[in-house]
N, C-alpha and C. Protein backbone atom coordinates (compact mmCIF):
# COMPACT_ATOMS: atom_id res chain seq x y z
N MET A 1 -81.03 25.38 -12.68
CA MET A 1 -80.12 26.64 -13.25
C MET A 1 -80.29 26.83 -14.95
N ALA A 2 -80.88 27.74 -15.49
CA ALA A 2 -80.70 27.93 -16.99
C ALA A 2 -79.36 28.62 -17.18
N TRP A 3 -78.28 27.81 -17.86
CA TRP A 3 -76.98 28.42 -17.84
C TRP A 3 -76.91 29.43 -19.08
N GLN A 4 -76.42 30.39 -19.24
CA GLN A 4 -76.47 31.38 -20.20
C GLN A 4 -75.35 31.03 -21.53
N PHE A 5 -75.52 31.49 -22.38
CA PHE A 5 -74.74 31.14 -23.72
C PHE A 5 -73.59 32.20 -23.41
N VAL A 6 -72.44 31.72 -23.88
CA VAL A 6 -71.28 32.75 -23.50
C VAL A 6 -70.66 32.72 -24.98
N ASP A 7 -70.52 33.72 -25.48
CA ASP A 7 -69.70 34.24 -26.95
C ASP A 7 -68.37 35.00 -26.60
N ILE A 8 -67.47 34.13 -26.45
CA ILE A 8 -66.07 34.84 -25.82
C ILE A 8 -65.58 35.72 -26.88
N HIS A 9 -65.92 35.74 -28.00
CA HIS A 9 -65.09 36.60 -28.84
C HIS A 9 -66.11 36.69 -30.19
N THR A 10 -66.59 38.11 -30.23
CA THR A 10 -67.26 38.82 -31.16
C THR A 10 -67.14 40.03 -31.45
N HIS A 11 -67.56 40.40 -32.75
CA HIS A 11 -67.17 41.83 -33.24
C HIS A 11 -68.78 42.52 -33.26
N GLU A 12 -69.85 41.88 -32.34
CA GLU A 12 -70.99 42.47 -32.62
C GLU A 12 -71.55 42.57 -31.36
N PRO A 13 -72.61 43.70 -31.13
CA PRO A 13 -73.11 43.71 -29.38
C PRO A 13 -73.45 42.40 -29.15
N LEU A 14 -73.39 42.07 -27.62
CA LEU A 14 -73.63 40.94 -26.96
C LEU A 14 -75.12 40.68 -26.90
N GLY A 15 -75.76 41.79 -27.06
CA GLY A 15 -77.18 41.49 -26.66
C GLY A 15 -77.24 41.04 -25.18
N ASP A 16 -78.11 39.83 -25.23
CA ASP A 16 -78.38 39.18 -23.54
C ASP A 16 -77.46 38.19 -23.36
N LYS A 17 -76.41 37.92 -24.35
CA LYS A 17 -75.45 36.88 -23.96
C LYS A 17 -74.20 37.56 -23.08
N LEU A 18 -73.59 36.46 -22.41
CA LEU A 18 -72.30 36.90 -21.83
C LEU A 18 -71.28 36.53 -22.77
N GLY A 19 -70.36 37.14 -22.70
CA GLY A 19 -68.89 36.98 -23.39
C GLY A 19 -68.46 38.46 -23.50
N LEU A 20 -67.34 38.47 -24.64
CA LEU A 20 -66.74 39.77 -24.98
C LEU A 20 -66.67 40.41 -26.22
N ARG A 21 -66.90 41.54 -26.26
CA ARG A 21 -66.85 42.04 -27.87
C ARG A 21 -65.36 42.54 -27.76
N SER A 22 -64.90 42.10 -28.92
CA SER A 22 -63.78 42.70 -29.40
C SER A 22 -63.79 43.78 -30.12
N VAL A 23 -62.82 44.60 -29.79
CA VAL A 23 -62.47 46.18 -30.12
C VAL A 23 -61.03 46.21 -30.58
N ARG A 24 -60.69 46.63 -31.64
CA ARG A 24 -59.45 47.03 -32.36
C ARG A 24 -58.71 48.29 -32.05
N LEU A 25 -58.03 48.55 -31.35
CA LEU A 25 -57.31 49.83 -31.28
C LEU A 25 -56.95 50.42 -32.72
N GLY A 26 -57.29 51.64 -33.18
CA GLY A 26 -56.52 52.08 -34.23
C GLY A 26 -57.77 51.78 -35.46
N VAL A 27 -58.80 50.99 -35.35
CA VAL A 27 -59.63 50.56 -36.48
C VAL A 27 -61.06 51.12 -35.86
N ASP A 28 -61.44 50.67 -34.56
CA ASP A 28 -62.86 50.76 -33.97
C ASP A 28 -62.96 51.99 -33.30
N ASP A 29 -64.12 52.51 -33.23
CA ASP A 29 -64.07 53.91 -32.26
C ASP A 29 -64.02 53.45 -30.91
N THR A 30 -63.51 53.99 -29.96
CA THR A 30 -63.10 53.31 -28.69
C THR A 30 -64.01 54.31 -27.57
N GLU A 31 -64.73 55.43 -28.24
CA GLU A 31 -64.99 56.39 -27.38
C GLU A 31 -66.64 56.26 -26.68
N GLY A 32 -66.59 55.93 -25.25
CA GLY A 32 -67.38 55.75 -24.52
C GLY A 32 -67.71 54.20 -24.31
N LEU A 33 -66.87 53.42 -24.81
CA LEU A 33 -66.82 51.88 -24.51
C LEU A 33 -66.29 51.44 -23.11
N CYS A 34 -67.02 50.44 -22.53
CA CYS A 34 -66.43 50.02 -21.23
C CYS A 34 -67.50 48.57 -21.27
N GLY A 35 -66.99 48.03 -19.97
CA GLY A 35 -67.55 46.55 -19.70
C GLY A 35 -67.18 45.55 -20.25
N ALA A 36 -68.08 44.49 -20.83
CA ALA A 36 -67.64 43.19 -21.30
C ALA A 36 -66.92 43.45 -22.67
N ILE A 37 -65.83 43.91 -22.75
CA ILE A 37 -65.12 44.28 -24.26
C ILE A 37 -63.74 43.76 -24.07
N SER A 38 -63.10 43.18 -24.86
CA SER A 38 -61.63 43.15 -24.97
C SER A 38 -61.07 44.23 -25.93
N VAL A 39 -59.97 44.87 -25.67
CA VAL A 39 -59.21 45.34 -26.37
C VAL A 39 -58.00 45.42 -26.62
N GLY A 40 -57.41 45.85 -27.87
CA GLY A 40 -56.05 45.53 -28.10
C GLY A 40 -55.36 45.90 -29.47
N VAL A 41 -54.24 46.00 -29.69
CA VAL A 41 -53.64 46.23 -31.25
C VAL A 41 -53.62 44.59 -31.97
N HIS A 42 -54.33 44.89 -32.70
CA HIS A 42 -54.31 43.43 -33.68
C HIS A 42 -53.10 43.42 -34.52
N PRO A 43 -52.62 42.04 -34.77
CA PRO A 43 -51.53 42.13 -35.42
C PRO A 43 -51.47 42.75 -36.69
N TRP A 44 -52.70 42.59 -37.25
CA TRP A 44 -52.72 43.30 -38.67
C TRP A 44 -52.38 44.64 -38.43
N ASP A 45 -52.62 45.10 -37.34
CA ASP A 45 -52.59 46.62 -37.33
C ASP A 45 -51.48 47.49 -36.86
N VAL A 46 -50.25 46.73 -36.60
CA VAL A 46 -49.58 47.10 -35.69
C VAL A 46 -48.56 48.20 -36.49
N GLU A 47 -48.57 48.22 -37.79
CA GLU A 47 -47.94 49.53 -38.53
C GLU A 47 -48.88 50.43 -38.46
N LYS A 48 -50.19 50.68 -38.10
CA LYS A 48 -51.09 51.96 -38.27
C LYS A 48 -50.94 52.38 -36.97
N VAL A 49 -50.66 51.78 -35.73
CA VAL A 49 -50.76 52.19 -34.50
C VAL A 49 -49.40 52.71 -33.73
N SER A 50 -49.02 53.52 -33.26
CA SER A 50 -47.82 53.92 -32.81
C SER A 50 -47.53 54.11 -31.46
N ASP A 51 -48.73 55.13 -30.95
CA ASP A 51 -48.70 55.07 -29.60
C ASP A 51 -50.04 54.70 -29.01
N PHE A 52 -50.04 53.56 -28.39
CA PHE A 52 -51.32 52.79 -28.05
C PHE A 52 -51.27 52.65 -26.59
N ALA A 53 -50.25 52.61 -25.73
CA ALA A 53 -50.03 52.16 -24.44
C ALA A 53 -50.71 52.98 -23.41
N ASP A 54 -50.90 54.29 -23.57
CA ASP A 54 -51.66 54.86 -22.76
C ASP A 54 -53.13 54.47 -22.82
N GLU A 55 -53.60 54.53 -23.94
CA GLU A 55 -54.86 54.47 -24.40
C GLU A 55 -55.29 53.12 -23.85
N LEU A 56 -54.59 51.81 -23.99
CA LEU A 56 -54.86 50.57 -23.54
C LEU A 56 -54.94 50.53 -22.11
N ARG A 57 -54.01 51.30 -21.37
CA ARG A 57 -54.12 51.19 -20.03
C ARG A 57 -55.60 52.07 -19.49
N ARG A 58 -55.79 52.97 -20.52
CA ARG A 58 -57.08 53.77 -19.54
C ARG A 58 -58.37 53.24 -20.08
N ILE A 59 -58.65 52.62 -21.08
CA ILE A 59 -59.97 52.14 -21.43
C ILE A 59 -60.49 50.94 -20.44
N GLU A 60 -61.59 51.13 -20.33
CA GLU A 60 -62.30 50.29 -19.25
C GLU A 60 -62.75 48.85 -19.93
N CYS A 61 -61.93 47.77 -19.77
CA CYS A 61 -62.34 46.55 -20.71
C CYS A 61 -62.02 45.68 -19.27
N VAL A 62 -62.29 44.07 -19.85
CA VAL A 62 -62.07 42.80 -18.69
C VAL A 62 -60.96 42.07 -19.46
N ALA A 63 -60.59 42.32 -20.72
CA ALA A 63 -59.57 41.64 -21.21
C ALA A 63 -58.52 42.34 -22.31
N ILE A 64 -57.38 41.95 -22.59
CA ILE A 64 -56.38 42.62 -23.76
C ILE A 64 -56.78 41.56 -24.92
N GLY A 65 -57.05 42.28 -25.96
CA GLY A 65 -57.17 41.55 -26.88
C GLY A 65 -58.12 41.85 -28.16
N GLU A 66 -58.00 41.28 -29.31
CA GLU A 66 -57.23 40.23 -29.64
C GLU A 66 -56.14 40.72 -30.05
N VAL A 67 -55.08 40.08 -29.58
CA VAL A 67 -53.57 40.48 -29.96
C VAL A 67 -52.75 39.11 -30.01
N GLY A 68 -51.65 39.29 -30.69
CA GLY A 68 -50.79 38.10 -30.86
C GLY A 68 -50.25 38.23 -32.00
N LEU A 69 -49.96 37.15 -32.74
CA LEU A 69 -48.89 37.03 -34.19
C LEU A 69 -49.46 36.34 -35.15
N ASP A 70 -49.06 36.83 -36.40
CA ASP A 70 -49.58 35.97 -37.67
C ASP A 70 -48.65 36.18 -38.64
N LYS A 71 -48.30 34.94 -38.95
CA LYS A 71 -47.24 34.92 -40.18
C LYS A 71 -47.86 34.87 -41.60
N ALA A 72 -48.85 35.24 -41.74
CA ALA A 72 -49.85 35.27 -43.10
C ALA A 72 -50.28 36.17 -43.57
N CYS A 73 -50.17 37.42 -42.56
CA CYS A 73 -51.04 38.78 -42.99
C CYS A 73 -49.91 39.85 -43.73
N GLY A 74 -48.22 39.38 -43.75
CA GLY A 74 -47.57 40.34 -44.43
C GLY A 74 -47.09 41.49 -43.79
N VAL A 75 -47.52 41.75 -42.51
CA VAL A 75 -47.09 42.83 -41.49
C VAL A 75 -45.52 42.05 -40.86
N ASP A 76 -44.94 43.02 -40.63
CA ASP A 76 -43.52 43.02 -40.37
C ASP A 76 -43.46 41.99 -38.93
N PHE A 77 -43.05 40.91 -38.98
CA PHE A 77 -43.20 40.17 -37.68
C PHE A 77 -42.30 40.51 -36.47
N GLY A 78 -41.34 41.37 -36.62
CA GLY A 78 -40.43 41.70 -35.70
C GLY A 78 -41.28 42.75 -34.93
N LEU A 79 -42.26 43.87 -35.89
CA LEU A 79 -42.88 44.66 -34.98
C LEU A 79 -43.92 43.93 -34.53
N GLN A 80 -44.57 43.04 -35.10
CA GLN A 80 -45.84 42.34 -34.31
C GLN A 80 -45.40 41.64 -32.86
N SER A 81 -44.17 40.98 -32.80
CA SER A 81 -43.55 40.32 -31.68
C SER A 81 -43.38 41.75 -30.68
N GLN A 82 -42.74 42.65 -31.04
CA GLN A 82 -42.79 44.00 -30.19
C GLN A 82 -43.92 44.30 -29.39
N ILE A 83 -44.97 44.61 -30.41
CA ILE A 83 -46.35 45.08 -29.96
C ILE A 83 -46.84 44.21 -29.10
N PHE A 84 -46.95 43.07 -29.23
CA PHE A 84 -47.49 41.84 -28.66
C PHE A 84 -46.90 41.71 -27.13
N GLU A 85 -45.59 41.81 -27.00
CA GLU A 85 -45.00 41.74 -25.68
C GLU A 85 -45.47 42.86 -24.68
N GLN A 86 -45.41 44.14 -25.55
CA GLN A 86 -46.10 45.23 -24.88
C GLN A 86 -47.35 44.98 -24.43
N GLN A 87 -48.18 44.38 -24.99
CA GLN A 87 -49.55 44.13 -24.59
C GLN A 87 -49.82 43.16 -23.47
N VAL A 88 -48.83 42.25 -23.69
CA VAL A 88 -48.57 40.92 -22.39
C VAL A 88 -48.35 41.82 -21.28
N HIS A 89 -47.17 42.49 -21.41
CA HIS A 89 -46.97 43.51 -19.94
C HIS A 89 -48.19 44.32 -19.40
N ILE A 90 -48.91 44.94 -20.08
CA ILE A 90 -50.10 45.77 -19.73
C ILE A 90 -51.31 44.85 -19.26
N ALA A 91 -51.34 43.70 -19.86
CA ALA A 91 -52.46 42.77 -19.26
C ALA A 91 -51.79 42.30 -17.93
N ILE A 92 -50.66 41.96 -17.39
CA ILE A 92 -50.20 41.67 -16.10
C ILE A 92 -50.38 43.26 -15.38
N GLU A 93 -50.11 44.17 -16.04
CA GLU A 93 -50.29 45.42 -14.99
C GLU A 93 -51.46 45.61 -14.39
N ARG A 94 -52.43 45.34 -15.47
CA ARG A 94 -54.12 45.66 -15.20
C ARG A 94 -54.61 44.29 -14.53
N ASN A 95 -53.94 43.22 -14.36
CA ASN A 95 -54.50 41.86 -13.84
C ASN A 95 -55.77 41.58 -14.72
N LEU A 96 -55.40 41.46 -16.06
CA LEU A 96 -56.41 41.29 -17.02
C LEU A 96 -56.12 39.97 -17.88
N SER A 97 -57.33 39.35 -18.57
CA SER A 97 -56.66 37.87 -19.29
C SER A 97 -56.30 38.50 -20.79
N LEU A 98 -55.87 37.47 -21.47
CA LEU A 98 -55.48 37.98 -22.65
C LEU A 98 -56.23 36.95 -23.77
N ILE A 99 -56.67 37.63 -25.14
CA ILE A 99 -57.19 36.75 -26.12
C ILE A 99 -56.47 36.73 -27.23
N VAL A 100 -55.66 35.56 -27.52
CA VAL A 100 -54.75 35.62 -28.52
C VAL A 100 -55.33 35.19 -29.78
N HIS A 101 -54.56 36.14 -31.01
CA HIS A 101 -54.78 35.92 -32.24
C HIS A 101 -53.51 35.04 -32.74
N ASN A 102 -53.55 33.85 -33.22
CA ASN A 102 -52.25 33.00 -33.62
C ASN A 102 -52.53 32.51 -35.01
N VAL A 103 -51.78 32.73 -35.78
CA VAL A 103 -51.56 32.19 -37.39
C VAL A 103 -50.19 31.80 -37.55
N ARG A 104 -50.23 30.53 -37.50
CA ARG A 104 -48.79 29.94 -37.86
C ARG A 104 -47.64 30.23 -37.02
N ALA A 105 -47.98 30.92 -35.78
CA ALA A 105 -46.70 31.43 -34.67
C ALA A 105 -47.04 30.75 -33.47
N GLN A 106 -47.78 29.60 -33.06
CA GLN A 106 -47.99 28.96 -31.95
C GLN A 106 -46.69 28.96 -31.11
N GLN A 107 -45.42 28.62 -31.62
CA GLN A 107 -44.36 28.68 -30.79
C GLN A 107 -43.71 29.60 -30.42
N GLU A 108 -43.76 30.83 -31.36
CA GLU A 108 -43.28 32.05 -30.80
C GLU A 108 -43.97 32.66 -29.86
N ILE A 109 -45.63 32.46 -30.04
CA ILE A 109 -46.66 32.79 -28.91
C ILE A 109 -45.99 32.32 -27.62
N VAL A 110 -45.93 30.98 -27.64
CA VAL A 110 -45.85 30.41 -26.29
C VAL A 110 -44.54 30.66 -25.63
N ARG A 111 -43.57 30.94 -26.49
CA ARG A 111 -42.17 31.56 -25.83
C ARG A 111 -42.13 32.64 -25.18
N ILE A 112 -43.28 33.63 -25.66
CA ILE A 112 -43.18 35.03 -24.96
C ILE A 112 -44.21 34.90 -23.92
N LEU A 113 -45.10 33.97 -23.89
CA LEU A 113 -46.15 33.77 -22.85
C LEU A 113 -45.61 32.94 -21.57
N ALA A 114 -44.72 31.99 -22.05
CA ALA A 114 -43.92 31.33 -20.80
C ALA A 114 -43.37 32.23 -19.89
N GLN A 115 -43.12 33.37 -20.04
CA GLN A 115 -42.46 34.27 -19.09
C GLN A 115 -43.50 34.72 -18.08
N HIS A 116 -44.69 34.51 -18.24
CA HIS A 116 -45.68 35.18 -17.53
C HIS A 116 -46.77 33.97 -17.18
N PRO A 117 -46.39 33.03 -16.54
CA PRO A 117 -47.37 31.97 -16.24
C PRO A 117 -48.50 32.00 -15.43
N THR A 118 -48.80 33.31 -14.81
CA THR A 118 -50.14 33.57 -14.24
C THR A 118 -51.27 34.21 -14.90
N LEU A 119 -50.82 34.37 -16.20
CA LEU A 119 -51.79 35.25 -17.10
C LEU A 119 -52.92 34.12 -17.38
N ALA A 120 -54.19 34.29 -17.39
CA ALA A 120 -55.40 33.68 -18.13
C ALA A 120 -55.22 33.88 -19.65
N VAL A 121 -55.07 32.69 -20.38
CA VAL A 121 -54.71 33.18 -22.04
C VAL A 121 -55.94 32.27 -22.75
N ILE A 122 -56.52 32.97 -23.56
CA ILE A 122 -57.45 32.21 -24.40
C ILE A 122 -57.03 32.26 -25.95
N PHE A 123 -56.79 31.30 -26.55
CA PHE A 123 -56.46 31.25 -27.91
C PHE A 123 -57.88 31.13 -28.72
N HIS A 124 -58.07 32.20 -29.30
CA HIS A 124 -59.45 32.42 -29.74
C HIS A 124 -59.24 31.89 -31.44
N GLY A 125 -60.49 31.43 -32.06
CA GLY A 125 -60.59 31.04 -33.26
C GLY A 125 -59.69 29.83 -33.56
N PHE A 126 -59.53 29.16 -32.31
CA PHE A 126 -58.62 27.59 -32.81
C PHE A 126 -58.65 26.97 -33.87
N ILE A 127 -57.75 27.08 -34.97
CA ILE A 127 -57.86 25.91 -36.15
C ILE A 127 -56.28 25.25 -36.18
N GLY A 128 -56.27 24.06 -35.92
CA GLY A 128 -54.96 23.53 -35.69
C GLY A 128 -55.40 22.01 -35.26
N SER A 129 -54.37 21.37 -35.06
CA SER A 129 -54.25 19.76 -34.85
C SER A 129 -54.59 19.76 -33.12
N LEU A 130 -55.22 18.47 -33.34
CA LEU A 130 -54.96 18.00 -31.55
C LEU A 130 -53.81 17.98 -31.03
N GLN A 131 -52.48 17.73 -31.57
CA GLN A 131 -50.99 18.16 -31.15
C GLN A 131 -51.13 19.43 -30.92
N GLN A 132 -51.25 20.31 -31.42
CA GLN A 132 -50.93 21.71 -31.16
C GLN A 132 -52.23 22.39 -29.96
N ALA A 133 -53.39 21.75 -29.99
CA ALA A 133 -54.36 21.83 -29.01
C ALA A 133 -53.50 21.57 -27.63
N GLU A 134 -53.22 20.26 -27.69
CA GLU A 134 -52.72 19.52 -26.38
C GLU A 134 -51.67 20.34 -25.69
N GLN A 135 -50.50 20.97 -26.72
CA GLN A 135 -49.48 22.02 -25.96
C GLN A 135 -50.22 22.96 -25.41
N LEU A 136 -51.47 23.37 -25.86
CA LEU A 136 -51.69 24.55 -25.14
C LEU A 136 -52.34 24.25 -23.87
N TRP A 137 -53.36 23.24 -23.85
CA TRP A 137 -53.92 22.71 -22.91
C TRP A 137 -52.96 22.28 -21.48
N GLN A 138 -51.94 21.94 -22.09
CA GLN A 138 -50.64 21.33 -20.88
C GLN A 138 -50.31 22.61 -20.17
N LEU A 139 -50.38 23.79 -20.94
CA LEU A 139 -49.95 25.19 -20.33
C LEU A 139 -50.71 25.52 -19.59
N GLY A 140 -52.14 25.26 -19.53
CA GLY A 140 -52.97 25.74 -18.87
C GLY A 140 -53.88 26.80 -19.66
N TYR A 141 -53.80 26.81 -20.83
CA TYR A 141 -54.29 27.79 -21.66
C TYR A 141 -55.62 27.29 -22.16
N TYR A 142 -56.63 28.10 -22.69
CA TYR A 142 -57.91 28.01 -23.06
C TYR A 142 -58.17 27.95 -24.76
N THR A 143 -58.92 27.01 -25.21
CA THR A 143 -58.91 27.17 -26.54
C THR A 143 -60.38 27.57 -27.03
N SER A 144 -60.62 28.53 -27.92
CA SER A 144 -62.08 28.87 -28.31
C SER A 144 -62.17 28.45 -29.81
N PHE A 145 -63.38 27.94 -29.91
CA PHE A 145 -63.60 27.39 -31.34
C PHE A 145 -64.90 28.23 -31.98
N GLY A 146 -64.67 28.33 -33.14
CA GLY A 146 -65.89 29.10 -33.91
C GLY A 146 -66.38 28.06 -35.10
N PHE A 147 -66.86 28.71 -35.85
CA PHE A 147 -67.71 27.78 -36.89
C PHE A 147 -66.59 27.36 -37.84
N GLY A 148 -65.42 28.04 -38.07
CA GLY A 148 -64.40 27.36 -38.84
C GLY A 148 -63.77 26.23 -38.42
N ALA A 149 -63.99 26.12 -37.20
CA ALA A 149 -63.56 24.81 -36.69
C ALA A 149 -64.24 23.52 -37.24
N MET A 150 -65.76 23.68 -37.60
CA MET A 150 -66.45 22.80 -37.91
C MET A 150 -66.15 22.32 -39.43
N ARG A 151 -65.11 22.96 -40.09
CA ARG A 151 -64.87 22.84 -41.37
C ARG A 151 -63.41 22.21 -41.57
N SER A 152 -62.81 22.02 -40.33
CA SER A 152 -61.57 21.50 -40.30
C SER A 152 -61.46 20.14 -39.82
N PRO A 153 -61.37 18.98 -40.49
CA PRO A 153 -61.00 17.74 -39.83
C PRO A 153 -60.29 17.80 -38.44
N LYS A 154 -59.17 18.17 -38.60
CA LYS A 154 -58.28 17.97 -37.59
C LYS A 154 -58.46 18.77 -36.41
N THR A 155 -59.46 20.06 -36.79
CA THR A 155 -59.48 21.13 -35.66
C THR A 155 -60.69 20.21 -34.99
N MET A 156 -61.78 19.70 -35.59
CA MET A 156 -62.92 18.82 -35.09
C MET A 156 -62.40 17.98 -34.20
N ASP A 157 -61.43 17.29 -34.25
CA ASP A 157 -60.78 16.05 -33.63
C ASP A 157 -60.19 16.61 -32.30
N ALA A 158 -59.76 18.02 -32.28
CA ALA A 158 -59.40 18.77 -31.00
C ALA A 158 -60.67 19.05 -30.20
N LEU A 159 -61.54 19.69 -31.03
CA LEU A 159 -62.65 20.10 -30.30
C LEU A 159 -63.31 18.94 -29.74
N ARG A 160 -63.62 18.02 -30.18
CA ARG A 160 -64.36 16.83 -29.95
C ARG A 160 -63.71 16.20 -28.35
N VAL A 161 -62.42 16.39 -28.28
CA VAL A 161 -61.90 15.91 -27.16
C VAL A 161 -61.42 17.34 -26.02
N CYS A 162 -61.43 18.35 -26.48
CA CYS A 162 -60.98 19.30 -25.83
C CYS A 162 -61.39 19.21 -24.28
N PRO A 163 -60.62 19.43 -23.14
CA PRO A 163 -61.19 19.41 -21.72
C PRO A 163 -62.16 20.30 -21.51
N SER A 164 -63.34 19.93 -20.49
CA SER A 164 -64.09 20.85 -20.70
C SER A 164 -63.87 22.23 -20.05
N ASP A 165 -62.95 22.06 -19.13
CA ASP A 165 -62.42 23.38 -18.14
C ASP A 165 -61.21 24.10 -19.08
N ARG A 166 -61.17 23.94 -20.54
CA ARG A 166 -60.34 24.42 -21.22
C ARG A 166 -60.99 25.06 -22.69
N LEU A 167 -62.42 24.93 -22.50
CA LEU A 167 -63.14 25.09 -23.75
C LEU A 167 -64.00 26.39 -23.49
N PHE A 168 -63.89 27.17 -24.85
CA PHE A 168 -64.92 28.40 -24.92
C PHE A 168 -65.45 28.24 -26.62
N LEU A 169 -66.44 28.63 -26.81
CA LEU A 169 -67.04 29.17 -28.10
C LEU A 169 -67.17 30.43 -28.59
N GLU A 170 -67.01 30.67 -29.72
CA GLU A 170 -67.46 32.08 -30.48
C GLU A 170 -67.74 32.15 -31.98
N THR A 171 -68.23 33.23 -32.16
CA THR A 171 -68.90 34.05 -33.45
C THR A 171 -68.03 34.60 -34.12
N ASP A 172 -67.08 35.31 -33.76
CA ASP A 172 -65.97 36.16 -34.14
C ASP A 172 -66.51 37.03 -35.36
N VAL A 173 -66.44 37.21 -36.34
CA VAL A 173 -67.37 37.72 -37.47
C VAL A 173 -68.20 37.09 -38.17
N ASP A 174 -68.62 35.88 -37.79
CA ASP A 174 -69.80 35.12 -38.46
C ASP A 174 -71.00 35.69 -37.97
N THR A 175 -71.89 35.79 -38.67
CA THR A 175 -73.23 36.32 -38.44
C THR A 175 -74.17 35.50 -37.80
N ARG A 176 -73.72 34.16 -37.81
CA ARG A 176 -74.83 32.61 -37.42
C ARG A 176 -74.85 33.26 -36.06
N SER A 177 -76.04 32.52 -35.25
CA SER A 177 -76.26 32.55 -33.63
C SER A 177 -74.94 31.77 -33.20
N VAL A 178 -74.58 32.13 -32.20
CA VAL A 178 -73.60 31.43 -31.13
C VAL A 178 -74.51 29.94 -30.96
N VAL A 179 -76.08 30.31 -30.34
CA VAL A 179 -76.76 29.21 -30.29
C VAL A 179 -76.62 27.89 -31.15
N SER A 180 -76.54 28.38 -32.40
CA SER A 180 -76.33 27.40 -33.49
C SER A 180 -75.17 26.90 -33.36
N LEU A 181 -73.90 27.37 -33.04
CA LEU A 181 -72.88 26.92 -32.87
C LEU A 181 -72.64 25.89 -31.77
N TYR A 182 -73.56 26.27 -30.61
CA TYR A 182 -73.55 25.54 -29.41
C TYR A 182 -74.26 23.96 -30.15
N LYS A 183 -75.05 24.19 -30.74
CA LYS A 183 -76.00 22.96 -31.27
C LYS A 183 -75.04 21.93 -31.68
N GLU A 184 -74.21 22.56 -32.62
CA GLU A 184 -73.27 21.57 -33.53
C GLU A 184 -72.20 21.19 -32.71
N VAL A 185 -71.61 21.86 -31.66
CA VAL A 185 -70.65 21.36 -31.04
C VAL A 185 -71.03 20.38 -29.69
N ALA A 186 -72.30 20.38 -29.25
CA ALA A 186 -72.84 19.54 -28.37
C ALA A 186 -72.97 18.16 -29.12
N GLN A 187 -73.50 18.35 -30.61
CA GLN A 187 -73.32 17.00 -31.15
C GLN A 187 -72.09 16.39 -31.35
N LEU A 188 -71.09 17.31 -31.71
CA LEU A 188 -69.79 16.65 -32.14
C LEU A 188 -69.14 16.05 -30.88
N ARG A 189 -69.51 16.48 -29.77
CA ARG A 189 -69.00 16.09 -28.45
C ARG A 189 -69.89 14.94 -27.86
N GLY A 190 -71.01 14.86 -28.18
CA GLY A 190 -71.89 13.98 -27.70
C GLY A 190 -72.26 14.01 -26.28
N VAL A 191 -72.57 15.46 -26.03
CA VAL A 191 -72.92 15.89 -24.69
C VAL A 191 -74.20 16.55 -24.78
N PRO A 192 -75.17 16.68 -23.73
CA PRO A 192 -76.30 17.36 -23.87
C PRO A 192 -76.00 18.92 -23.73
N MET A 193 -76.83 19.93 -24.50
CA MET A 193 -76.53 21.28 -24.77
C MET A 193 -76.48 21.81 -23.39
N GLU A 194 -77.05 21.51 -22.48
CA GLU A 194 -77.12 22.23 -21.03
C GLU A 194 -75.79 21.68 -20.34
N GLU A 195 -75.14 20.59 -20.48
CA GLU A 195 -73.83 20.50 -19.92
C GLU A 195 -72.88 21.44 -20.54
N LEU A 196 -72.97 21.53 -22.19
CA LEU A 196 -72.18 21.98 -22.71
C LEU A 196 -72.12 23.66 -22.15
N LYS A 197 -73.18 24.11 -22.12
CA LYS A 197 -73.42 25.76 -21.63
C LYS A 197 -72.89 25.76 -20.31
N LYS A 198 -72.99 24.78 -19.36
CA LYS A 198 -72.51 25.03 -18.00
C LYS A 198 -70.96 25.15 -17.98
N ASP A 199 -70.41 23.91 -18.81
CA ASP A 199 -69.18 24.06 -18.61
C ASP A 199 -68.57 25.31 -19.24
N ILE A 200 -69.08 25.54 -20.41
CA ILE A 200 -68.25 27.28 -20.77
C ILE A 200 -68.71 28.38 -19.92
N TYR A 201 -70.03 28.09 -19.20
CA TYR A 201 -70.25 29.34 -18.56
C TYR A 201 -69.36 29.36 -17.16
N ASN A 202 -69.01 27.90 -16.63
CA ASN A 202 -68.06 28.02 -15.77
C ASN A 202 -66.84 28.81 -15.69
N ASN A 203 -66.24 28.18 -17.19
CA ASN A 203 -65.10 28.73 -17.56
C ASN A 203 -64.99 30.30 -17.55
N TYR A 204 -66.20 30.59 -18.10
CA TYR A 204 -66.01 32.18 -18.09
C TYR A 204 -65.98 32.83 -16.76
N LYS A 205 -67.13 32.44 -15.86
CA LYS A 205 -66.99 32.90 -14.37
C LYS A 205 -65.69 32.91 -13.73
N ARG A 206 -64.68 31.80 -14.19
CA ARG A 206 -63.34 31.24 -13.44
C ARG A 206 -62.52 32.62 -13.84
N ILE A 207 -62.65 32.99 -15.08
CA ILE A 207 -61.86 34.01 -15.58
C ILE A 207 -62.12 35.35 -15.10
N PHE A 208 -63.51 35.56 -15.20
CA PHE A 208 -63.97 36.96 -15.42
C PHE A 208 -64.65 37.72 -14.01
N ASP A 209 -64.57 36.35 -13.08
CA ASP A 209 -65.35 36.78 -11.84
C ASP A 209 -64.42 36.76 -10.66
N ARG A 210 -63.22 37.29 -10.96
CA ARG A 210 -62.04 37.28 -10.10
C ARG A 210 -62.02 38.48 -8.95
């Protein structure tokens, strides 16, 4: 079988790839969108969006995201936390997975998510240490790595040993091909490209073919 490439988080059309296109409520046009998309109020945007819950419940999507907490963006952290918790509850209501944005707020995010252990959670754009990644893996969460991971030695250590059943890759806003990322990661992990593709494809199907 020729395993398909999966790009779990991109802001561009997917083309013939599997994955999720990320849509930001209050920023992106949501008219007519449906299918393989994640939709949510990004923590950078929580001060721009006041009444989002009905729209988030209405839009046809396969995941809520990207949502989360960001201590580096200058947006009121209390409001971020409030909006994040609301969106976690909507994900549970809709039986959808969660795509999480985390900047310097892992412990706060984990405390909120710990109340909802049945959620499938993907920490997108993971940049952190092996110790931080191991906490997420032990809790059953997935980590998704992009090109930025290849510029961080501590994150490369985490990517090198990430359990194959907790792994995703993504392009996010990078314009380079996800195929080139797969090539770099396969080399880093010392595995054949097809094995990497198969592992990530199986993770995708586990979450989104429910």
